[in-house]
Amino acid sequence: WVEGYAGAPITGSVTNGPVTVDVSITLGSVTWDFGDGTPAQTTGLGEAWPARSSVRHTYKDRGTYAVTVTITLPAQFSVNGGTPTQLPPVVRTATITYVVDQVQAVRDR
């Protein structure tokens, strides 16, 4: 899951004399690459344990994987309440190392 950003729009306004500029950034897409060669998944930001997360992946093999999330945030601004103008999207990427260790259930008789 992504910590530190819950997906809410980010807005701001600056006024200087008779000019007011409003800026808005919204959540566009969230793409997860689990580092094992499977296709990347475009889903949500995920949820922290113990909630059941919308981001799920099953690894076939033990090992250490680089898990990467790329968040795309479309941005726009308007001047004095006028028509919004699109800006280039803000793109942020984060990678963590994730260790997968096989665990097997043992049944006692």
PDB file of N, CA and C in Angstrom:
ATOM      1  N   TRP A   1       0.839  -1.168   0.000  1.00  0.00           N
ATOM      2  CA  TRP A   1       0.000   0.000   0.000  1.00  0.00           C
ATOM      3  C   TRP A   1       0.885   1.232   0.000  1.00  0.00           C
ATOM      4  N   VAL A   2       0.311   2.355  -0.357  1.00  0.00           N
ATOM      5  CA  VAL A   2       1.035   3.626  -0.359  1.00  0.00           C
ATOM      6  C   VAL A   2       0.747   4.346   0.945  1.00  0.00           C
ATOM      7  N   GLU A   3       1.795   4.766   1.646  1.00  0.00           N
ATOM      8  CA  GLU A   3       1.635   5.543   2.874  1.00  0.00           C
ATOM      9  C   GLU A   3       1.894   7.009   2.572  1.00  0.00           C
ATOM     10  N   GLY A   4       1.142   7.884   3.224  1.00  0.00           N
ATOM     11  CA  GLY A   4       1.399   9.306   3.122  1.00  0.00           C
ATOM     12  C   GLY A   4       0.531  10.054   2.131  1.00  0.00           C
ATOM     13  N   TYR A   5      -0.255   9.322   1.345  1.00  0.00           N
ATOM     14  CA  TYR A   5      -1.174   9.973   0.410  1.00  0.00           C
ATOM     15  C   TYR A   5      -2.389   9.076   0.261  1.00  0.00           C
ATOM     16  N   ALA A   6      -3.558   9.608   0.582  1.00  0.00           N
ATOM     17  CA  ALA A   6      -4.786   8.817   0.580  1.00  0.00           C
ATOM     18  C   ALA A   6      -5.596   8.955  -0.702  1.00  0.00           C
ATOM     19  N   GLY A   7      -5.122   9.747  -1.660  1.00  0.00           N
ATOM     20  CA  GLY A   7      -5.835   9.872  -2.935  1.00  0.00           C
ATOM     21  C   GLY A   7      -6.727  11.093  -3.051  1.00  0.00           C
ATOM     22  N   ALA A   8      -6.809  11.900  -2.004  1.00  0.00           N
ATOM     23  CA  ALA A   8      -7.657  13.099  -2.055  1.00  0.00           C
ATOM     24  C   ALA A   8      -7.028  14.155  -2.963  1.00  0.00           C
ATOM     25  N   PRO A   9      -7.852  14.977  -3.616  1.00  0.00           N
ATOM     26  CA  PRO A   9      -7.303  16.056  -4.445  1.00  0.00           C
ATOM     27  C   PRO A   9      -6.416  16.980  -3.604  1.00  0.00           C
ATOM     28  N   ILE A  10      -5.391  17.492  -4.254  1.00  0.00           N
ATOM     29  CA  ILE A  10      -4.494  18.463  -3.629  1.00  0.00           C
ATOM     30  C   ILE A  10      -4.774  19.795  -4.310  1.00  0.00           C
ATOM     31  N   THR A  11      -5.163  20.787  -3.529  1.00  0.00           N
ATOM     32  CA  THR A  11      -5.515  22.081  -4.108  1.00  0.00           C
ATOM     33  C   THR A  11      -4.779  23.197  -3.397  1.00  0.00           C
ATOM     34  N   GLY A  12      -4.621  24.281  -4.112  1.00  0.00           N
ATOM     35  CA  GLY A  12      -3.990  25.453  -3.517  1.00  0.00           C
ATOM     36  C   GLY A  12      -4.379  26.689  -4.289  1.00  0.00           C
ATOM     37  N   SER A  13      -4.254  27.830  -3.633  1.00  0.00           N
ATOM     38  CA  SER A  13      -4.623  29.098  -4.242  1.00  0.00           C
ATOM     39  C   SER A  13      -3.642  30.166  -3.784  1.00  0.00           C
ATOM     40  N   VAL A  14      -3.232  31.018  -4.720  1.00  0.00           N
ATOM     41  CA  VAL A  14      -2.325  32.120  -4.408  1.00  0.00           C
ATOM     42  C   VAL A  14      -2.898  33.387  -5.017  1.00  0.00           C
ATOM     43  N   THR A  15      -2.949  34.436  -4.222  1.00  0.00           N
ATOM     44  CA  THR A  15      -3.434  35.720  -4.717  1.00  0.00           C
ATOM     45  C   THR A  15      -2.318  36.745  -4.592  1.00  0.00           C
ATOM     46  N   ASN A  16      -2.129  37.501  -5.666  1.00  0.00           N
ATOM     47  CA  ASN A  16      -1.160  38.589  -5.662  1.00  0.00           C
ATOM     48  C   ASN A  16      -1.827  39.756  -6.386  1.00  0.00           C
ATOM     49  N   GLY A  17      -2.225  40.742  -5.622  1.00  0.00           N
ATOM     50  CA  GLY A  17      -2.958  41.861  -6.214  1.00  0.00           C
ATOM     51  C   GLY A  17      -4.285  41.372  -6.765  1.00  0.00           C
ATOM     52  N   PRO A  18      -4.610  41.734  -8.008  1.00  0.00           N
ATOM     53  CA  PRO A  18      -5.892  41.354  -8.583  1.00  0.00           C
ATOM     54  C   PRO A  18      -5.899  39.943  -9.212  1.00  0.00           C
ATOM     55  N   VAL A  19      -4.791  39.220  -9.109  1.00  0.00           N
ATOM     56  CA  VAL A  19      -4.685  37.910  -9.774  1.00  0.00           C
ATOM     57  C   VAL A  19      -4.709  36.793  -8.741  1.00  0.00           C
ATOM     58  N   THR A  20      -5.608  35.836  -8.956  1.00  0.00           N
ATOM     59  CA  THR A  20      -5.666  34.637  -8.128  1.00  0.00           C
ATOM     60  C   THR A  20      -5.438  33.428  -9.023  1.00  0.00           C
ATOM     61  N   VAL A  21      -4.487  32.589  -8.634  1.00  0.00           N
ATOM     62  CA  VAL A  21      -4.193  31.352  -9.363  1.00  0.00           C
ATOM     63  C   VAL A  21      -4.583  30.182  -8.478  1.00  0.00           C
ATOM     64  N   ASP A  22      -5.451  29.321  -9.009  1.00  0.00           N
ATOM     65  CA  ASP A  22      -5.874  28.100  -8.319  1.00  0.00           C
ATOM     66  C   ASP A  22      -5.215  26.911  -9.006  1.00  0.00           C
ATOM     67  N   VAL A  23      -4.664  26.005  -8.202  1.00  0.00           N
ATOM     68  CA  VAL A  23      -4.014  24.802  -8.717  1.00  0.00           C
ATOM     69  C   VAL A  23      -4.713  23.587  -8.127  1.00  0.00           C
ATOM     70  N   SER A  24      -4.914  22.561  -8.968  1.00  0.00           N
ATOM     71  CA  SER A  24      -5.554  21.328  -8.525  1.00  0.00           C
ATOM     72  C   SER A  24      -4.797  20.131  -9.084  1.00  0.00           C
ATOM     73  N   ILE A  25      -4.502  19.192  -8.195  1.00  0.00           N
ATOM     74  CA  ILE A  25      -3.852  17.941  -8.590  1.00  0.00           C
ATOM     75  C   ILE A  25      -4.750  16.815  -8.097  1.00  0.00           C
ATOM     76  N   THR A  26      -5.064  15.870  -8.986  1.00  0.00           N
ATOM     77  CA  THR A  26      -5.943  14.754  -8.633  1.00  0.00           C
ATOM     78  C   THR A  26      -5.229  13.433  -8.876  1.00  0.00           C
ATOM     79  N   LEU A  27      -5.756  12.376  -8.295  1.00  0.00           N
ATOM     80  CA  LEU A  27      -5.192  11.043  -8.503  1.00  0.00           C
ATOM     81  C   LEU A  27      -5.586  10.538  -9.885  1.00  0.00           C
ATOM     82  N   GLY A  28      -4.602  10.225 -10.690  1.00  0.00           N
ATOM     83  CA  GLY A  28      -4.863   9.701 -12.031  1.00  0.00           C
ATOM     84  C   GLY A  28      -4.792   8.180 -12.031  1.00  0.00           C
ATOM     85  N   SER A  29      -3.589   7.635 -12.010  1.00  0.00           N
ATOM     86  CA  SER A  29      -3.422   6.182 -12.029  1.00  0.00           C
ATOM     87  C   SER A  29      -2.332   5.756 -11.061  1.00  0.00           C
ATOM     88  N   VAL A  30      -2.447   4.493 -10.632  1.00  0.00           N
ATOM     89  CA  VAL A  30      -1.462   3.881  -9.746  1.00  0.00           C
ATOM     90  C   VAL A  30      -1.094   2.545 -10.374  1.00  0.00           C
ATOM     91  N   THR A  31       0.181   2.386 -10.725  1.00  0.00           N
ATOM     92  CA  THR A  31       0.637   1.167 -11.386  1.00  0.00           C
ATOM     93  C   THR A  31       1.681   0.479 -10.517  1.00  0.00           C
ATOM     94  N   TRP A  32       1.463  -0.817 -10.295  1.00  0.00           N
ATOM     95  CA  TRP A  32       2.341  -1.628  -9.459  1.00  0.00           C
ATOM     96  C   TRP A  32       3.106  -2.623 -10.322  1.00  0.00           C
ATOM     97  N   ASP A  33       4.424  -2.655 -10.170  1.00  0.00           N
ATOM     98  CA  ASP A  33       5.283  -3.658 -10.805  1.00  0.00           C
ATOM     99  C   ASP A  33       5.896  -4.463  -9.668  1.00  0.00           C
ATOM    100  N   PHE A  34       5.605  -5.762  -9.618  1.00  0.00           N
ATOM    101  CA  PHE A  34       6.018  -6.589  -8.496  1.00  0.00           C
ATOM    102  C   PHE A  34       7.404  -7.200  -8.665  1.00  0.00           C
ATOM    103  N   GLY A  35       8.074  -6.878  -9.768  1.00  0.00           N
ATOM    104  CA  GLY A  35       9.474  -7.233  -9.934  1.00  0.00           C
ATOM    105  C   GLY A  35       9.758  -8.671 -10.274  1.00  0.00           C
ATOM    106  N   ASP A  36       8.716  -9.436 -10.624  1.00  0.00           N
ATOM    107  CA  ASP A  36       8.931 -10.849 -10.938  1.00  0.00           C
ATOM    108  C   ASP A  36       8.661 -11.180 -12.406  1.00  0.00           C
ATOM    109  N   GLY A  37       8.555 -10.161 -13.239  1.00  0.00           N
ATOM    110  CA  GLY A  37       8.344 -10.397 -14.665  1.00  0.00           C
ATOM    111  C   GLY A  37       6.892 -10.512 -15.080  1.00  0.00           C
ATOM    112  N   THR A  38       5.961 -10.506 -14.129  1.00  0.00           N
ATOM    113  CA  THR A  38       4.547 -10.538 -14.487  1.00  0.00           C
ATOM    114  C   THR A  38       4.128  -9.137 -14.935  1.00  0.00           C
ATOM    115  N   PRO A  39       3.031  -9.029 -15.712  1.00  0.00           N
ATOM    116  CA  PRO A  39       2.601  -7.703 -16.159  1.00  0.00           C
ATOM    117  C   PRO A  39       2.268  -6.792 -14.973  1.00  0.00           C
ATOM    118  N   ALA A  40       2.579  -5.524 -15.131  1.00  0.00           N
ATOM    119  CA  ALA A  40       2.244  -4.533 -14.102  1.00  0.00           C
ATOM    120  C   ALA A  40       0.731  -4.437 -13.966  1.00  0.00           C
ATOM    121  N   GLN A  41       0.274  -4.069 -12.769  1.00  0.00           N
ATOM    122  CA  GLN A  41      -1.152  -3.930 -12.493  1.00  0.00           C
ATOM    123  C   GLN A  41      -1.482  -2.464 -12.223  1.00  0.00           C
ATOM    124  N   THR A  42      -2.530  -1.975 -12.859  1.00  0.00           N
ATOM    125  CA  THR A  42      -3.023  -0.638 -12.560  1.00  0.00           C
ATOM    126  C   THR A  42      -4.233  -0.801 -11.663  1.00  0.00           C
ATOM    127  N   THR A  43      -4.089  -0.393 -10.408  1.00  0.00           N
ATOM    128  CA  THR A  43      -5.171  -0.524  -9.436  1.00  0.00           C
ATOM    129  C   THR A  43      -5.188   0.726  -8.569  1.00  0.00           C
ATOM    130  N   GLY A  44      -5.434   0.557  -7.298  1.00  0.00           N
ATOM    131  CA  GLY A  44      -5.501   1.695  -6.388  1.00  0.00           C
ATOM    132  C   GLY A  44      -4.248   1.812  -5.539  1.00  0.00           C
ATOM    133  N   LEU A  45      -4.353   2.611  -4.484  1.00  0.00           N
ATOM    134  CA  LEU A  45      -3.231   2.845  -3.580  1.00  0.00           C
ATOM    135  C   LEU A  45      -3.033   1.706  -2.588  1.00  0.00           C
ATOM    136  N   GLY A  46      -4.049   0.871  -2.425  1.00  0.00           N
ATOM    137  CA  GLY A  46      -3.966  -0.233  -1.481  1.00  0.00           C
ATOM    138  C   GLY A  46      -4.366   0.195  -0.082  1.00  0.00           C
ATOM    139  N   GLU A  47      -4.478  -0.776   0.789  1.00  0.00           N
ATOM    140  CA  GLU A  47      -4.862  -0.547   2.179  1.00  0.00           C
ATOM    141  C   GLU A  47      -3.885  -1.287   3.086  1.00  0.00           C
ATOM    142  N   ALA A  48      -3.594  -0.688   4.244  1.00  0.00           N
ATOM    143  CA  ALA A  48      -2.665  -1.287   5.208  1.00  0.00           C
ATOM    144  C   ALA A  48      -3.319  -2.459   5.930  1.00  0.00           C
ATOM    145  N   TRP A  49      -2.485  -3.402   6.351  1.00  0.00           N
ATOM    146  CA  TRP A  49      -2.935  -4.517   7.167  1.00  0.00           C
ATOM    147  C   TRP A  49      -3.577  -3.967   8.428  1.00  0.00           C
ATOM    148  N   PRO A  50      -4.660  -4.473   8.944  1.00  0.00           N
ATOM    149  CA  PRO A  50      -5.258  -5.761   8.638  1.00  0.00           C
ATOM    150  C   PRO A  50      -6.372  -5.705   7.587  1.00  0.00           C
ATOM    151  N   ALA A  51      -6.618  -4.553   6.998  1.00  0.00           N
ATOM    152  CA  ALA A  51      -7.649  -4.466   5.953  1.00  0.00           C
ATOM    153  C   ALA A  51      -7.237  -5.317   4.749  1.00  0.00           C
ATOM    154  N   ARG A  52      -8.213  -5.831   4.037  1.00  0.00           N
ATOM    155  CA  ARG A  52      -7.917  -6.572   2.806  1.00  0.00           C
ATOM    156  C   ARG A  52      -7.626  -5.541   1.724  1.00  0.00           C
ATOM    157  N   SER A  53      -6.425  -5.570   1.205  1.00  0.00           N
ATOM    158  CA  SER A  53      -5.971  -4.549   0.272  1.00  0.00           C
ATOM    159  C   SER A  53      -6.477  -4.806  -1.139  1.00  0.00           C
ATOM    160  N   SER A  54      -6.695  -3.720  -1.863  1.00  0.00           N
ATOM    161  CA  SER A  54      -7.060  -3.828  -3.281  1.00  0.00           C
ATOM    162  C   SER A  54      -5.839  -4.170  -4.132  1.00  0.00           C
ATOM    163  N   VAL A  55      -4.656  -4.066  -3.548  1.00  0.00           N
ATOM    164  CA  VAL A  55      -3.415  -4.424  -4.236  1.00  0.00           C
ATOM    165  C   VAL A  55      -2.998  -5.794  -3.733  1.00  0.00           C
ATOM    166  N   ARG A  56      -3.003  -6.780  -4.640  1.00  0.00           N
ATOM    167  CA  ARG A  56      -2.667  -8.154  -4.267  1.00  0.00           C
ATOM    168  C   ARG A  56      -1.795  -8.777  -5.346  1.00  0.00           C
ATOM    169  N   HIS A  57      -0.877  -9.624  -4.905  1.00  0.00           N
ATOM    170  CA  HIS A  57      -0.022 -10.322  -5.857  1.00  0.00           C
ATOM    171  C   HIS A  57       0.465 -11.613  -5.222  1.00  0.00           C
ATOM    172  N   THR A  58       0.567 -12.664  -6.021  1.00  0.00           N
ATOM    173  CA  THR A  58       1.080 -13.945  -5.556  1.00  0.00           C
ATOM    174  C   THR A  58       2.375 -14.238  -6.296  1.00  0.00           C
ATOM    175  N   TYR A  59       3.422 -14.470  -5.545  1.00  0.00           N
ATOM    176  CA  TYR A  59       4.707 -14.836  -6.130  1.00  0.00           C
ATOM    177  C   TYR A  59       4.785 -16.344  -6.265  1.00  0.00           C
ATOM    178  N   LYS A  60       5.396 -16.806  -7.337  1.00  0.00           N
ATOM    179  CA  LYS A  60       5.551 -18.236  -7.559  1.00  0.00           C
ATOM    180  C   LYS A  60       6.818 -18.782  -6.911  1.00  0.00           C
ATOM    181  N   ASP A  61       7.821 -17.917  -6.767  1.00  0.00           N
ATOM    182  CA  ASP A  61       9.113 -18.369  -6.259  1.00  0.00           C
ATOM    183  C   ASP A  61       9.584 -17.510  -5.102  1.00  0.00           C
ATOM    184  N   ARG A  62      10.353 -18.153  -4.213  1.00  0.00           N
ATOM    185  CA  ARG A  62      10.994 -17.402  -3.135  1.00  0.00           C
ATOM    186  C   ARG A  62      12.036 -16.486  -3.741  1.00  0.00           C
ATOM    187  N   GLY A  63      12.357 -15.433  -3.022  1.00  0.00           N
ATOM    188  CA  GLY A  63      13.406 -14.554  -3.495  1.00  0.00           C
ATOM    189  C   GLY A  63      13.206 -13.140  -3.002  1.00  0.00           C
ATOM    190  N   THR A  64      14.058 -12.261  -3.483  1.00  0.00           N
ATOM    191  CA  THR A  64      13.992 -10.847  -3.138  1.00  0.00           C
ATOM    192  C   THR A  64      13.596 -10.087  -4.393  1.00  0.00           C
ATOM    193  N   TYR A  65      12.553  -9.289  -4.287  1.00  0.00           N
ATOM    194  CA  TYR A  65      11.988  -8.593  -5.446  1.00  0.00           C
ATOM    195  C   TYR A  65      11.957  -7.090  -5.201  1.00  0.00           C
ATOM    196  N   ALA A  66      12.128  -6.336  -6.274  1.00  0.00           N
ATOM    197  CA  ALA A  66      11.986  -4.880  -6.220  1.00  0.00           C
ATOM    198  C   ALA A  66      10.553  -4.544  -6.623  1.00  0.00           C
ATOM    199  N   VAL A  67       9.751  -4.089  -5.671  1.00  0.00           N
ATOM    200  CA  VAL A  67       8.362  -3.721  -5.930  1.00  0.00           C
ATOM    201  C   VAL A  67       8.315  -2.212  -6.168  1.00  0.00           C
ATOM    202  N   THR A  68       7.760  -1.831  -7.318  1.00  0.00           N
ATOM    203  CA  THR A  68       7.736  -0.424  -7.704  1.00  0.00           C
ATOM    204  C   THR A  68       6.300   0.038  -7.905  1.00  0.00           C
ATOM    205  N   VAL A  69       5.974   1.190  -7.354  1.00  0.00           N
ATOM    206  CA  VAL A  69       4.672   1.812  -7.592  1.00  0.00           C
ATOM    207  C   VAL A  69       4.921   3.147  -8.291  1.00  0.00           C
ATOM    208  N   THR A  70       4.121   3.398  -9.328  1.00  0.00           N
ATOM    209  CA  THR A  70       4.186   4.665 -10.054  1.00  0.00           C
ATOM    210  C   THR A  70       2.825   5.321  -9.968  1.00  0.00           C
ATOM    211  N   ILE A  71       2.809   6.543  -9.426  1.00  0.00           N
ATOM    212  CA  ILE A  71       1.572   7.296  -9.242  1.00  0.00           C
ATOM    213  C   ILE A  71       1.588   8.470 -10.218  1.00  0.00           C
ATOM    214  N   THR A  72       0.524   8.586 -11.011  1.00  0.00           N
ATOM    215  CA  THR A  72       0.386   9.698 -11.960  1.00  0.00           C
ATOM    216  C   THR A  72      -0.727  10.611 -11.466  1.00  0.00           C
ATOM    217  N   LEU A  73      -0.395  11.904 -11.329  1.00  0.00           N
ATOM    218  CA  LEU A  73      -1.318  12.891 -10.786  1.00  0.00           C
ATOM    219  C   LEU A  73      -1.531  14.006 -11.810  1.00  0.00           C
ATOM    220  N   PRO A  74      -2.666  14.002 -12.523  1.00  0.00           N
ATOM    221  CA  PRO A  74      -2.956  15.091 -13.455  1.00  0.00           C
ATOM    222  C   PRO A  74      -3.065  16.420 -12.692  1.00  0.00           C
ATOM    223  N   ALA A  75      -2.566  17.488 -13.316  1.00  0.00           N
ATOM    224  CA  ALA A  75      -2.557  18.801 -12.670  1.00  0.00           C
ATOM    225  C   ALA A  75      -3.159  19.852 -13.606  1.00  0.00           C
ATOM    226  N   GLN A  76      -3.763  20.869 -13.016  1.00  0.00           N
ATOM    227  CA  GLN A  76      -4.315  21.975 -13.797  1.00  0.00           C
ATOM    228  C   GLN A  76      -4.298  23.243 -12.960  1.00  0.00           C
ATOM    229  N   PHE A  77      -4.405  24.374 -13.655  1.00  0.00           N
ATOM    230  CA  PHE A  77      -4.503  25.652 -12.956  1.00  0.00           C
ATOM    231  C   PHE A  77      -5.506  26.534 -13.669  1.00  0.00           C
ATOM    232  N   SER A  78      -6.012  27.509 -12.940  1.00  0.00           N
ATOM    233  CA  SER A  78      -6.887  28.522 -13.538  1.00  0.00           C
ATOM    234  C   SER A  78      -6.524  29.872 -12.932  1.00  0.00           C
ATOM    235  N   VAL A  79      -6.764  30.921 -13.704  1.00  0.00           N
ATOM    236  CA  VAL A  79      -6.466  32.274 -13.272  1.00  0.00           C
ATOM    237  C   VAL A  79      -7.779  33.029 -13.135  1.00  0.00           C
ATOM    238  N   ASN A  80      -7.983  33.600 -11.963  1.00  0.00           N
ATOM    239  CA  ASN A  80      -9.195  34.377 -11.658  1.00  0.00           C
ATOM    240  C   ASN A  80     -10.475  33.610 -11.986  1.00  0.00           C
ATOM    241  N   GLY A  81     -10.489  32.312 -11.688  1.00  0.00           N
ATOM    242  CA  GLY A  81     -11.691  31.498 -11.894  1.00  0.00           C
ATOM    243  C   GLY A  81     -11.979  31.168 -13.343  1.00  0.00           C
ATOM    244  N   GLY A  82     -11.034  31.399 -14.237  1.00  0.00           N
ATOM    245  CA  GLY A  82     -11.230  31.125 -15.660  1.00  0.00           C
ATOM    246  C   GLY A  82     -11.165  29.643 -15.983  1.00  0.00           C
ATOM    247  N   THR A  83     -11.146  29.366 -17.266  1.00  0.00           N
ATOM    248  CA  THR A  83     -11.086  27.986 -17.749  1.00  0.00           C
ATOM    249  C   THR A  83      -9.801  27.317 -17.283  1.00  0.00           C
ATOM    250  N   PRO A  84      -9.894  26.098 -16.725  1.00  0.00           N
ATOM    251  CA  PRO A  84      -8.694  25.396 -16.277  1.00  0.00           C
ATOM    252  C   PRO A  84      -7.767  25.062 -17.453  1.00  0.00           C
ATOM    253  N   THR A  85      -6.483  25.182 -17.208  1.00  0.00           N
ATOM    254  CA  THR A  85      -5.447  24.827 -18.180  1.00  0.00           C
ATOM    255  C   THR A  85      -4.680  23.636 -17.636  1.00  0.00           C
ATOM    256  N   GLN A  86      -4.554  22.594 -18.452  1.00  0.00           N
ATOM    257  CA  GLN A  86      -3.837  21.389 -18.027  1.00  0.00           C
ATOM    258  C   GLN A  86      -2.341  21.645 -17.947  1.00  0.00           C
ATOM    259  N   LEU A  87      -1.720  21.094 -16.939  1.00  0.00           N
ATOM    260  CA  LEU A  87      -0.274  21.093 -16.785  1.00  0.00           C
ATOM    261  C   LEU A  87       0.230  19.673 -17.028  1.00  0.00           C
ATOM    262  N   PRO A  88       1.521  19.491 -17.255  1.00  0.00           N
ATOM    263  CA  PRO A  88       2.029  18.118 -17.332  1.00  0.00           C
ATOM    264  C   PRO A  88       1.724  17.391 -16.023  1.00  0.00           C
ATOM    265  N   PRO A  89       1.402  16.107 -16.095  1.00  0.00           N
ATOM    266  CA  PRO A  89       1.095  15.388 -14.857  1.00  0.00           C
ATOM    267  C   PRO A  89       2.329  15.277 -13.969  1.00  0.00           C
ATOM    268  N   VAL A  90       2.072  15.193 -12.678  1.00  0.00           N
ATOM    269  CA  VAL A  90       3.126  14.917 -11.705  1.00  0.00           C
ATOM    270  C   VAL A  90       3.223  13.400 -11.604  1.00  0.00           C
ATOM    271  N   VAL A  91       4.412  12.855 -11.801  1.00  0.00           N
ATOM    272  CA  VAL A  91       4.609  11.408 -11.741  1.00  0.00           C
ATOM    273  C   VAL A  91       5.618  11.118 -10.633  1.00  0.00           C
ATOM    274  N   ARG A  92       5.226  10.252  -9.717  1.00  0.00           N
ATOM    275  CA  ARG A  92       6.101   9.867  -8.616  1.00  0.00           C
ATOM    276  C   ARG A  92       6.246   8.352  -8.608  1.00  0.00           C
ATOM    277  N   THR A  93       7.480   7.893  -8.396  1.00  0.00           N
ATOM    278  CA  THR A  93       7.778   6.467  -8.366  1.00  0.00           C
ATOM    279  C   THR A  93       8.537   6.136  -7.095  1.00  0.00           C
ATOM    280  N   ALA A  94       8.173   5.022  -6.479  1.00  0.00           N
ATOM    281  CA  ALA A  94       8.877   4.542  -5.286  1.00  0.00           C
ATOM    282  C   ALA A  94       9.117   3.047  -5.431  1.00  0.00           C
ATOM    283  N   THR A  95      10.255   2.593  -4.962  1.00  0.00           N
ATOM    284  CA  THR A  95      10.614   1.174  -5.029  1.00  0.00           C
ATOM    285  C   THR A  95      11.064   0.707  -3.655  1.00  0.00           C
ATOM    286  N   ILE A  96      10.576  -0.482  -3.269  1.00  0.00           N
ATOM    287  CA  ILE A  96      11.041  -1.116  -2.037  1.00  0.00           C
ATOM    288  C   ILE A  96      11.496  -2.530  -2.366  1.00  0.00           C
ATOM    289  N   THR A  97      12.345  -3.064  -1.525  1.00  0.00           N
ATOM    290  CA  THR A  97      12.770  -4.463  -1.650  1.00  0.00           C
ATOM    291  C   THR A  97      11.828  -5.313  -0.816  1.00  0.00           C
ATOM    292  N   TYR A  98      11.325  -6.377  -1.418  1.00  0.00           N
ATOM    293  CA  TYR A  98      10.362  -7.243  -0.739  1.00  0.00           C
ATOM    294  C   TYR A  98      10.897  -8.670  -0.778  1.00  0.00           C
ATOM    295  N   VAL A  99      11.028  -9.278   0.392  1.00  0.00           N
ATOM    296  CA  VAL A  99      11.538 -10.641   0.490  1.00  0.00           C
ATOM    297  C   VAL A  99      10.364 -11.604   0.574  1.00  0.00           C
ATOM    298  N   VAL A 100      10.345 -12.589  -0.317  1.00  0.00           N
ATOM    299  CA  VAL A 100       9.309 -13.623  -0.328  1.00  0.00           C
ATOM    300  C   VAL A 100       9.942 -14.911   0.180  1.00  0.00           C
ATOM    301  N   ASP A 101       9.364 -15.451   1.253  1.00  0.00           N
ATOM    302  CA  ASP A 101       9.860 -16.680   1.844  1.00  0.00           C
ATOM    303  C   ASP A 101       8.712 -17.683   1.868  1.00  0.00           C
ATOM    304  N   GLN A 102       8.930 -18.825   1.297  1.00  0.00           N
ATOM    305  CA  GLN A 102       7.866 -19.821   1.196  1.00  0.00           C
ATOM    306  C   GLN A 102       7.492 -20.346   2.580  1.00  0.00           C
ATOM    307  N   VAL A 103       6.206 -20.392   2.840  1.00  0.00           N
ATOM    308  CA  VAL A 103       5.695 -20.927   4.088  1.00  0.00           C
ATOM    309  C   VAL A 103       4.689 -22.009   3.738  1.00  0.00           C
ATOM    310  N   GLN A 104       4.856 -23.174   4.343  1.00  0.00           N
ATOM    311  CA  GLN A 104       3.942 -24.272   4.075  1.00  0.00           C
ATOM    312  C   GLN A 104       3.242 -24.671   5.367  1.00  0.00           C
ATOM    313  N   ALA A 105       1.979 -24.971   5.259  1.00  0.00           N
ATOM    314  CA  ALA A 105       1.231 -25.440   6.426  1.00  0.00           C
ATOM    315  C   ALA A 105       1.576 -26.901   6.697  1.00  0.00           C
ATOM    316  N   VAL A 106       1.728 -27.217   7.961  1.00  0.00           N
ATOM    317  CA  VAL A 106       2.009 -28.597   8.370  1.00  0.00           C
ATOM    318  C   VAL A 106       0.809 -29.081   9.159  1.00  0.00           C
ATOM    319  N   ARG A 107       0.350 -30.269   8.819  1.00  0.00           N
ATOM    320  CA  ARG A 107      -0.834 -30.818   9.473  1.00  0.00           C
ATOM    321  C   ARG A 107      -0.436 -31.936  10.423  1.00  0.00           C
ATOM    322  N   ASP A 108      -0.822 -31.786  11.681  1.00  0.00           N
ATOM    323  CA  ASP A 108      -0.563 -32.853  12.655  1.00  0.00           C
ATOM    324  C   ASP A 108      -1.717 -33.831  12.660  1.00  0.00           C
ATOM    325  N   ARG A 109      -1.399 -35.087  12.799  1.00  0.00           N
ATOM    326  CA  ARG A 109      -2.463 -36.091  12.864  1.00  0.00           C
ATOM    327  C   ARG A 109      -2.573 -36.637  14.257  1.00  0.00           C
TER     328      ARG A 109
END
